[in-house]
Protein backbone atom coordinates (compact mmCIF):
# COMPACT_ATOMS: atom_id res chain seq x y z
CA MET A 1 82.00 82.78 -1.20
CA LYS A 2 82.86 81.21 -4.53
CA LYS A 3 81.23 77.85 -5.20
CA VAL A 4 81.81 75.08 -7.72
CA VAL A 5 79.25 72.77 -9.35
CA GLY A 6 79.63 69.58 -11.38
CA ILE A 7 78.18 69.78 -14.90
CA ARG A 8 77.60 66.88 -17.28
CA PHE A 9 76.96 67.38 -21.01
CA LYS A 10 76.15 63.80 -22.00
CA THR A 11 74.44 60.90 -20.30
CA SER A 12 77.13 58.98 -18.39
CA GLY A 13 79.68 61.48 -19.71
CA LYS A 14 82.52 63.06 -17.78
CA ILE A 15 81.64 65.58 -15.06
CA TYR A 16 83.27 69.00 -15.37
CA ASP A 17 83.64 71.62 -12.64
CA PHE A 18 82.38 75.16 -13.16
CA GLU A 19 82.12 78.18 -10.91
CA SER A 20 78.44 78.75 -10.10
CA GLY A 21 78.78 82.53 -9.73
CA ALA A 22 75.66 84.23 -8.37
CA PHE A 23 73.30 81.44 -9.49
CA VAL A 24 71.52 79.27 -6.92
CA LEU A 25 71.72 75.85 -8.54
CA LYS A 26 70.28 72.45 -7.73
CA ILE A 27 70.86 68.98 -9.13
CA GLY A 28 68.93 68.65 -12.39
CA ASN A 29 69.09 72.33 -13.36
CA HIS A 30 69.99 72.96 -17.01
CA VAL A 31 72.54 75.71 -17.52
CA ILE A 32 74.57 77.37 -20.25
CA VAL A 33 78.29 77.36 -19.54
CA GLU A 34 81.48 78.58 -21.17
CA THR A 35 83.58 75.78 -22.66
CA GLU A 36 86.64 75.54 -24.87
CA GLN A 37 84.28 74.97 -27.81
CA GLY A 38 82.15 78.02 -26.93
CA LEU A 39 78.85 77.98 -25.06
CA GLY A 40 77.40 74.60 -24.12
CA LEU A 41 74.25 73.29 -22.46
CA GLY A 42 74.71 70.94 -19.52
CA VAL A 43 72.90 69.63 -16.45
CA VAL A 44 73.96 70.05 -12.82
CA VAL A 45 74.85 66.64 -11.32
CA ASN A 46 76.96 67.73 -8.33
CA PRO A 47 75.48 70.40 -6.01
CA PRO A 48 77.37 73.64 -5.28
CA MET A 49 80.21 73.37 -2.79
CA PRO A 50 82.83 75.86 -1.54
CA ILE A 51 85.63 76.12 -4.05
CA GLU A 52 88.20 75.52 -1.28
CA GLU A 53 86.86 71.97 -0.83
CA ARG A 54 87.37 71.15 -4.49
CA GLY A 55 91.05 70.43 -3.92
CA SER A 56 92.42 71.98 -7.11
CA GLY A 57 93.90 75.38 -7.78
CA LYS A 58 93.13 75.47 -11.51
CA PRO A 59 90.95 78.40 -12.63
CA LEU A 60 87.37 77.52 -13.49
CA LYS A 61 85.07 78.76 -16.21
CA LYS A 62 81.76 80.17 -15.03
CA VAL A 63 78.14 79.23 -15.47
CA TYR A 64 76.95 81.71 -18.08
CA ARG A 65 73.19 81.60 -17.40
CA MET A 66 70.22 79.32 -16.82
CA ALA A 67 68.96 77.45 -19.89
CA SER A 68 65.82 78.81 -21.56
CA ASP A 69 63.16 77.37 -23.86
CA GLN A 70 64.99 78.94 -26.78
CA ASP A 71 68.10 76.95 -25.85
CA PHE A 72 66.17 73.68 -25.94
CA ARG A 73 64.75 74.64 -29.35
CA ARG A 74 68.31 75.18 -30.52
CA LEU A 75 69.18 71.69 -29.30
CA GLU A 76 66.34 70.27 -31.41
CA LYS A 77 67.61 72.20 -34.43
CA ASN A 78 71.14 70.89 -33.81
CA SER A 79 69.75 67.37 -33.65
CA GLU A 80 68.20 67.80 -37.10
CA ILE A 81 71.51 69.11 -38.46
CA GLU A 82 73.31 66.08 -36.99
CA LYS A 83 70.90 63.67 -38.71
CA GLN A 84 71.31 65.44 -42.05
CA ALA A 85 75.09 65.47 -41.66
CA TYR A 86 75.15 61.76 -40.77
CA ASP A 87 73.11 60.76 -43.84
CA PHE A 88 75.10 62.99 -46.19
CA CYS A 89 78.46 61.84 -44.83
CA ASN A 90 77.48 58.18 -45.11
CA GLU A 91 76.62 58.71 -48.77
CA GLN A 92 79.98 60.36 -49.41
CA VAL A 93 81.88 57.60 -47.57
CA LYS A 94 80.31 55.02 -49.88
CA SER A 95 80.90 57.22 -52.93
CA LEU A 96 84.58 57.69 -52.09
CA GLY A 97 85.01 54.02 -51.12
CA LEU A 98 86.48 54.79 -47.70
CA ALA A 99 87.01 51.87 -45.30
CA MET A 100 85.39 53.49 -42.28
CA ASN A 101 82.26 53.00 -40.21
CA LEU A 102 80.55 56.30 -39.39
CA PHE A 103 78.27 55.90 -36.38
CA SER A 104 77.60 59.34 -34.88
CA VAL A 105 77.70 63.07 -35.55
CA GLU A 106 77.74 65.77 -32.89
CA SER A 107 77.24 69.50 -33.27
CA THR A 108 78.48 72.14 -30.86
CA PHE A 109 75.77 74.13 -29.16
CA ASP A 110 76.36 77.17 -31.38
CA SER A 111 76.46 74.97 -34.53
CA GLY A 112 79.97 76.22 -35.23
CA LYS A 113 81.52 72.76 -35.50
CA LEU A 114 80.47 69.26 -36.55
CA THR A 115 82.34 66.24 -35.21
CA PHE A 116 82.05 62.94 -37.10
CA PHE A 117 82.82 59.81 -35.09
CA PHE A 118 83.90 56.64 -36.86
CA THR A 119 85.72 53.36 -36.39
CA ALA A 120 88.19 51.80 -38.81
CA ASP A 121 90.76 49.01 -38.86
CA GLY A 122 93.59 51.37 -39.73
CA ARG A 123 94.33 54.91 -40.80
CA VAL A 124 91.91 56.53 -43.23
CA ASP A 125 92.72 59.31 -45.70
CA PHE A 126 89.58 61.45 -45.31
CA ARG A 127 90.96 64.75 -46.66
CA GLU A 128 88.69 64.72 -49.71
CA LEU A 129 85.70 63.87 -47.50
CA VAL A 130 86.42 66.84 -45.23
CA LYS A 131 86.52 69.20 -48.22
CA ILE A 132 83.10 67.96 -49.33
CA LEU A 133 81.65 68.32 -45.81
CA VAL A 134 83.01 71.86 -45.36
CA LYS A 135 81.53 72.90 -48.71
CA LYS A 136 78.17 71.35 -47.80
CA PHE A 137 77.74 72.65 -44.24
CA SER A 138 79.97 75.75 -44.22
CA THR A 139 81.29 75.06 -40.71
CA ARG A 140 84.31 73.55 -39.02
CA ILE A 141 84.63 69.80 -39.48
CA GLU A 142 86.42 67.30 -37.27
CA MET A 143 86.80 63.60 -38.10
CA ARG A 144 87.44 61.56 -34.95
CA GLN A 145 88.44 57.91 -35.07
CA VAL A 146 87.57 56.07 -31.83
CA GLY A 147 87.75 52.53 -30.50
CA ILE A 148 84.99 49.95 -30.57
CA ARG A 149 84.30 50.38 -26.83
CA ASN A 150 83.68 54.09 -27.35
CA GLN A 151 81.29 53.27 -30.16
CA ALA A 152 79.27 51.01 -27.87
CA LYS A 153 79.17 53.72 -25.19
CA MET A 154 77.93 56.37 -27.61
CA CYS A 155 75.40 54.15 -29.42
CA GLY A 156 74.05 52.36 -26.33
CA GLY A 157 72.10 49.12 -26.37
CA THR A 158 70.96 46.25 -24.16
CA GLY A 159 73.38 43.78 -22.61
CA ARG A 160 72.94 40.04 -22.09
CA CYS A 161 71.67 40.86 -18.57
CA GLY A 162 68.65 42.61 -20.10
CA ARG A 163 69.68 46.07 -18.90
CA VAL A 164 71.20 49.06 -20.69
CA ILE A 165 74.92 48.41 -21.18
CA CYS A 166 76.98 49.80 -18.30
CA CYS A 167 79.25 52.05 -20.35
CA SER A 168 76.24 53.84 -21.81
CA ALA A 169 74.20 53.94 -18.58
CA PHE A 170 76.59 55.23 -15.93
CA MET A 171 80.30 54.63 -16.61
CA SER A 172 82.26 57.83 -17.18
CA LYS A 173 85.52 56.08 -18.09
CA PHE A 174 86.74 52.63 -19.09
CA GLU A 175 88.68 50.49 -16.63
CA PRO A 176 91.14 47.82 -17.84
CA VAL A 177 89.50 44.37 -18.14
CA SER A 178 91.47 41.11 -18.35
CA ILE A 179 90.69 37.43 -18.86
CA ARG A 180 92.24 36.84 -15.44
CA MET A 181 89.22 38.54 -13.88
CA ALA A 182 86.91 35.98 -15.49
CA LYS A 183 89.12 33.16 -14.16
CA GLU A 184 89.12 34.76 -10.70
CA GLN A 185 85.32 34.73 -10.66
CA GLY A 186 85.00 31.18 -11.97
CA LEU A 187 83.25 32.22 -15.15
CA SER A 188 83.20 30.38 -18.46
CA LEU A 189 86.12 31.40 -20.65
CA ASN A 190 83.97 31.11 -23.77
CA PRO A 191 84.49 34.50 -25.51
CA THR A 192 80.83 34.67 -26.57
CA LYS A 193 79.71 34.48 -22.93
CA ILE A 194 82.05 37.05 -21.39
CA SER A 195 82.15 39.60 -24.21
CA GLY A 196 79.92 42.65 -24.51
CA GLN A 197 78.29 44.20 -27.55
CA CYS A 198 81.58 45.80 -28.50
CA GLY A 199 83.23 42.38 -28.78
CA ARG A 200 85.59 43.15 -25.89
CA LEU A 201 85.48 41.64 -22.40
CA MET A 202 82.45 42.89 -20.44
CA CYS A 203 83.15 45.93 -18.25
CA CYS A 204 81.11 44.40 -15.40
CA LEU A 205 83.91 41.87 -14.82
CA THR A 206 85.71 44.64 -12.94
CA PHE A 207 82.84 45.46 -10.58
CA GLU A 208 83.16 42.46 -8.22
CA ASN A 209 86.72 41.41 -8.95
CA GLU A 210 88.20 42.86 -5.76
CA THR A 211 85.45 41.20 -3.69
CA TYR A 212 86.21 37.80 -5.22
CA LYS A 213 89.93 38.26 -4.57
CA ALA A 214 89.29 39.17 -0.93
CA LEU A 215 86.97 36.19 -0.37
CA LYS A 216 89.43 33.79 -2.00
CA GLU A 217 92.19 34.74 0.41
CA ASN A 218 90.64 32.45 3.03
CA ALA A 219 89.86 29.62 0.62
CA PRO A 220 92.17 26.64 -0.02
CA ARG A 221 93.68 26.83 -3.49
CA ILE A 222 92.36 24.57 -6.25
CA GLY A 223 94.30 21.28 -6.31
CA LYS A 224 95.09 21.35 -2.59
CA THR A 225 94.39 18.15 -0.65
CA ILE A 226 92.22 18.61 2.44
CA THR A 227 90.47 16.35 4.92
CA VAL A 228 86.66 16.36 5.02
CA GLU A 229 84.79 14.21 7.56
CA GLY A 230 87.76 11.91 7.91
CA GLN A 231 88.25 11.54 4.15
CA GLN A 232 90.86 13.14 1.97
CA GLY A 233 89.98 14.97 -1.22
CA LYS A 234 91.17 17.64 -3.64
CA VAL A 235 89.63 21.08 -4.05
CA ILE A 236 88.33 21.34 -7.62
CA ARG A 237 86.08 24.44 -7.53
CA HIS A 238 85.42 27.57 -5.52
CA ASN A 239 82.02 29.11 -4.76
CA VAL A 240 83.24 32.05 -2.74
CA ILE A 241 79.89 33.87 -2.84
CA CYS A 242 78.36 30.99 -0.84
CA CYS A 243 81.63 30.54 1.11
CA LYS A 244 81.94 26.96 -0.16
CA VAL A 245 84.45 24.82 -2.05
CA THR A 246 83.82 21.66 -4.05
CA VAL A 247 85.99 18.72 -3.07
CA ARG A 248 86.50 15.47 -5.03
CA LEU A 249 87.00 12.62 -2.60
CA GLU A 250 89.23 9.58 -3.16
CA ASP A 251 86.24 7.49 -4.27
CA GLY A 252 85.42 10.02 -7.02
CA THR A 253 82.39 11.61 -5.37
CA GLU A 254 82.13 15.37 -5.11
CA MET A 255 81.09 17.29 -2.04
CA ASP A 256 80.38 20.95 -1.32
CA VAL A 257 82.02 22.03 1.90
CA LYS A 258 81.69 25.28 3.82
CA MET A 259 85.06 27.00 4.17
CA ASP A 260 84.65 27.65 7.89
CA SER A 261 84.33 23.90 8.49
CA ILE A 262 87.63 23.04 6.79
């Protein structure tokens, strides 16, 4: 019976399906697989399952073999090449006066291609830079301009919560984030307090948004007049996590009231 496994090539990167072939694989196994860029080294993150349960009829590439010590030594060598390429490219960017921010370089497993990741405000004419890089490293060169959120994901860092930023730790794709989500959760709308390292709205605003919306369905809207202990007042704040609302009474005093008592 043919089986499929989920392989990840980068931490918190996308999971790709491969046919396991005759290999008995477990989560955490390092394997060499066939990719569009040639052979690549990845780690098993989803255990083998019958290919019929995968739910897709697209043909799959196969696991080529288990990773060996020699493969890990090659990874170390590739890492050294990436550092050299990053330093050299940065020097050339400054020399050519290009308005771009180079932040990462990645090599394919077989060292047949170097990809240079950068951010920029607009389009950059890097044709001369590519010629210099090809002459220096004698391999295929790709310049890839990405957004600021992708830069944060690739570079990593620590968020204001004190933990590794979500996009770098476990998120495999970016979900849309809006200022409405911050309003829904009663957060401060100060950009410095709800923005991540990338300068965009924090991805974690999406995590509890649906819960807040569901809890608010049973809460009186802000501005509505309600009666509390025989006195009338207006709802001025929600605390849906504690199932309470704050009411300002006619005499100006404020009171926290449980929603089930309204």
